[in-house]
Amino acid sequence: MDRQTLRDWVHRFNEHGPNSLKDNWSKGKPSRLSAEQQAEVAELVETGPDRAAHSVVRWRRVDLQRVIAERFGVVYHERTVGKLLKALGFSHISARPRHPGQDARTIEAFKKTSPRR
C-alpha cells in the first residue's frame, strides 16, 4: 500500500466514520434505452424480422443495431447490441431460418422411406 492510499482512507474515516471504508462500487452507466424500449426490442427479437420490411431472414446484431437506431434514435456498437440481448435473456444461438417458399409436403415426400431393420 502506498502512502497516498492510506492518507485517503484516513481522511475518509475521519470525515464519515468506519462505514466510509467499505468499497463503493459504481453501478455503471444507465442504459440509453428505457424499460419500455427494451421490452419492444425483446418483442422484436422474439417475433423475428419481417422479410419484406427488414430484408433479412433472421436477426443479426448489425441488423438490430440499424433497427434500434431507426426506431429509437440510439446508436449502439454491434458488441453493445450483443450485451443488450444478453441482458434481455437471449443467447447467441438461433434457430435455422425457414425459407418462405418451403413446402412441408415436398419435404415429407423427399424423406427416405427405407424399411427399418
Protein backbone atom coordinates (compact mmCIF):
# COMPACT_ATOMS: atom_id res chain seq x y z
CA MET A 1 0.00 0.00 0.00
CA ASP A 2 1.32 3.42 -0.82
CA ARG A 3 1.13 6.45 1.42
CA GLN A 4 -1.45 8.27 -0.67
CA THR A 5 -3.97 5.44 -0.38
CA LEU A 6 -3.52 5.29 3.39
CA ARG A 7 -3.88 9.07 3.60
CA ASP A 8 -7.13 8.94 1.55
CA TRP A 9 -8.50 6.23 3.85
CA VAL A 10 -7.67 8.23 6.97
CA HIS A 11 -9.43 11.30 5.59
CA ARG A 12 -12.49 9.25 4.61
CA PHE A 13 -12.57 7.61 8.06
CA ASN A 14 -12.25 10.96 9.85
CA GLU A 15 -15.00 12.58 7.77
CA HIS A 16 -17.58 9.76 7.55
CA GLY A 17 -16.63 7.05 10.03
CA PRO A 18 -15.85 3.36 9.55
CA ASN A 19 -18.67 2.76 7.02
CA SER A 20 -16.90 5.04 4.55
CA LEU A 21 -14.08 2.49 4.23
CA LYS A 22 -16.36 -0.07 2.55
CA ASP A 23 -15.96 -0.50 -1.19
CA ASN A 24 -18.24 1.86 -3.04
CA TRP A 25 -18.57 0.32 -6.49
CA SER A 26 -20.37 2.17 -9.21
CA LYS A 27 -23.45 0.63 -10.78
CA GLY A 28 -22.15 1.56 -14.25
CA LYS A 29 -23.76 3.69 -16.89
CA PRO A 30 -27.54 3.61 -17.11
CA SER A 31 -28.99 2.13 -20.27
CA ARG A 32 -29.76 4.56 -23.08
CA LEU A 33 -32.98 2.65 -23.80
CA SER A 34 -35.88 2.89 -21.38
CA ALA A 35 -37.53 -0.22 -19.95
CA GLU A 36 -40.40 0.11 -22.47
CA GLN A 37 -37.95 0.39 -25.37
CA GLN A 38 -36.02 -2.65 -24.13
CA ALA A 39 -39.29 -4.58 -23.93
CA GLU A 40 -40.04 -3.54 -27.51
CA VAL A 41 -36.60 -4.75 -28.65
CA ALA A 42 -37.20 -8.08 -26.87
CA GLU A 43 -40.58 -8.44 -28.58
CA LEU A 44 -38.97 -7.60 -31.93
CA VAL A 45 -36.36 -10.31 -31.43
CA GLU A 46 -39.00 -12.85 -30.34
CA THR A 47 -41.23 -12.28 -33.35
CA GLY A 48 -38.35 -12.22 -35.82
CA PRO A 49 -37.86 -9.94 -38.79
CA ASP A 50 -40.44 -9.24 -41.45
CA ARG A 51 -38.72 -10.19 -44.68
CA ALA A 52 -40.48 -7.50 -46.72
CA ALA A 53 -39.85 -4.67 -44.24
CA HIS A 54 -36.39 -5.57 -42.92
CA SER A 55 -34.98 -7.51 -45.94
CA VAL A 56 -33.43 -10.16 -43.69
CA VAL A 57 -34.43 -13.72 -42.83
CA ARG A 58 -33.01 -13.75 -39.29
CA TRP A 59 -31.74 -11.07 -36.93
CA ARG A 60 -28.05 -10.35 -36.70
CA ARG A 61 -26.62 -7.84 -34.28
CA VAL A 62 -25.81 -5.43 -37.10
CA ASP A 63 -29.45 -5.60 -38.29
CA LEU A 64 -30.76 -4.94 -34.79
CA GLN A 65 -28.26 -2.10 -34.45
CA ARG A 66 -29.79 -0.45 -37.53
CA VAL A 67 -33.38 -1.01 -36.35
CA ILE A 68 -32.65 0.39 -32.87
CA ALA A 69 -31.05 3.48 -34.42
CA GLU A 70 -34.04 4.00 -36.75
CA ARG A 71 -36.76 3.45 -34.14
CA PHE A 72 -35.28 4.99 -31.01
CA GLY A 73 -32.50 7.26 -32.27
CA VAL A 74 -29.95 5.46 -30.09
CA VAL A 75 -26.75 4.36 -31.81
CA TYR A 76 -25.16 1.30 -30.23
CA HIS A 77 -21.99 -0.50 -31.22
CA GLU A 78 -22.55 -4.01 -32.53
CA ARG A 79 -20.98 -5.53 -29.39
CA THR A 80 -23.22 -3.42 -27.18
CA VAL A 81 -26.26 -4.79 -29.01
CA GLY A 82 -24.99 -8.27 -28.07
CA LYS A 83 -24.67 -7.21 -24.43
CA LEU A 84 -28.19 -5.76 -24.53
CA LEU A 85 -29.55 -9.04 -25.92
CA LYS A 86 -27.73 -10.99 -23.21
CA ALA A 87 -29.22 -8.69 -20.55
CA LEU A 88 -32.67 -9.30 -22.05
CA GLY A 89 -32.17 -13.06 -21.66
CA PHE A 90 -31.31 -14.05 -25.23
CA SER A 91 -28.40 -16.29 -26.17
CA HIS A 92 -26.26 -16.06 -29.28
CA ILE A 93 -27.63 -19.33 -30.63
CA SER A 94 -30.53 -19.04 -33.03
CA ALA A 95 -32.73 -21.48 -34.89
CA ARG A 96 -32.10 -22.06 -38.54
CA PRO A 97 -34.48 -19.90 -40.57
CA ARG A 98 -37.08 -21.45 -42.86
CA HIS A 99 -37.25 -20.43 -46.48
CA PRO A 100 -40.57 -18.71 -47.19
CA GLY A 101 -41.23 -20.97 -50.19
CA GLN A 102 -40.64 -24.19 -48.26
CA ASP A 103 -43.37 -26.82 -48.68
CA ALA A 104 -43.92 -29.41 -45.93
CA ARG A 105 -45.43 -31.98 -48.34
CA THR A 106 -42.37 -31.85 -50.60
CA ILE A 107 -40.10 -32.40 -47.61
CA GLU A 108 -42.11 -35.44 -46.48
CA ALA A 109 -42.06 -36.91 -50.00
CA PHE A 110 -38.28 -36.44 -50.22
CA LYS A 111 -37.52 -38.25 -46.96
CA LYS A 112 -36.09 -41.72 -47.38
CA THR A 113 -38.54 -44.46 -46.61
CA SER A 114 -36.25 -47.44 -46.20
CA PRO A 115 -37.67 -50.23 -44.07
CA ARG A 116 -36.22 -50.46 -40.57
CA ARG A 117 -34.19 -53.45 -39.51
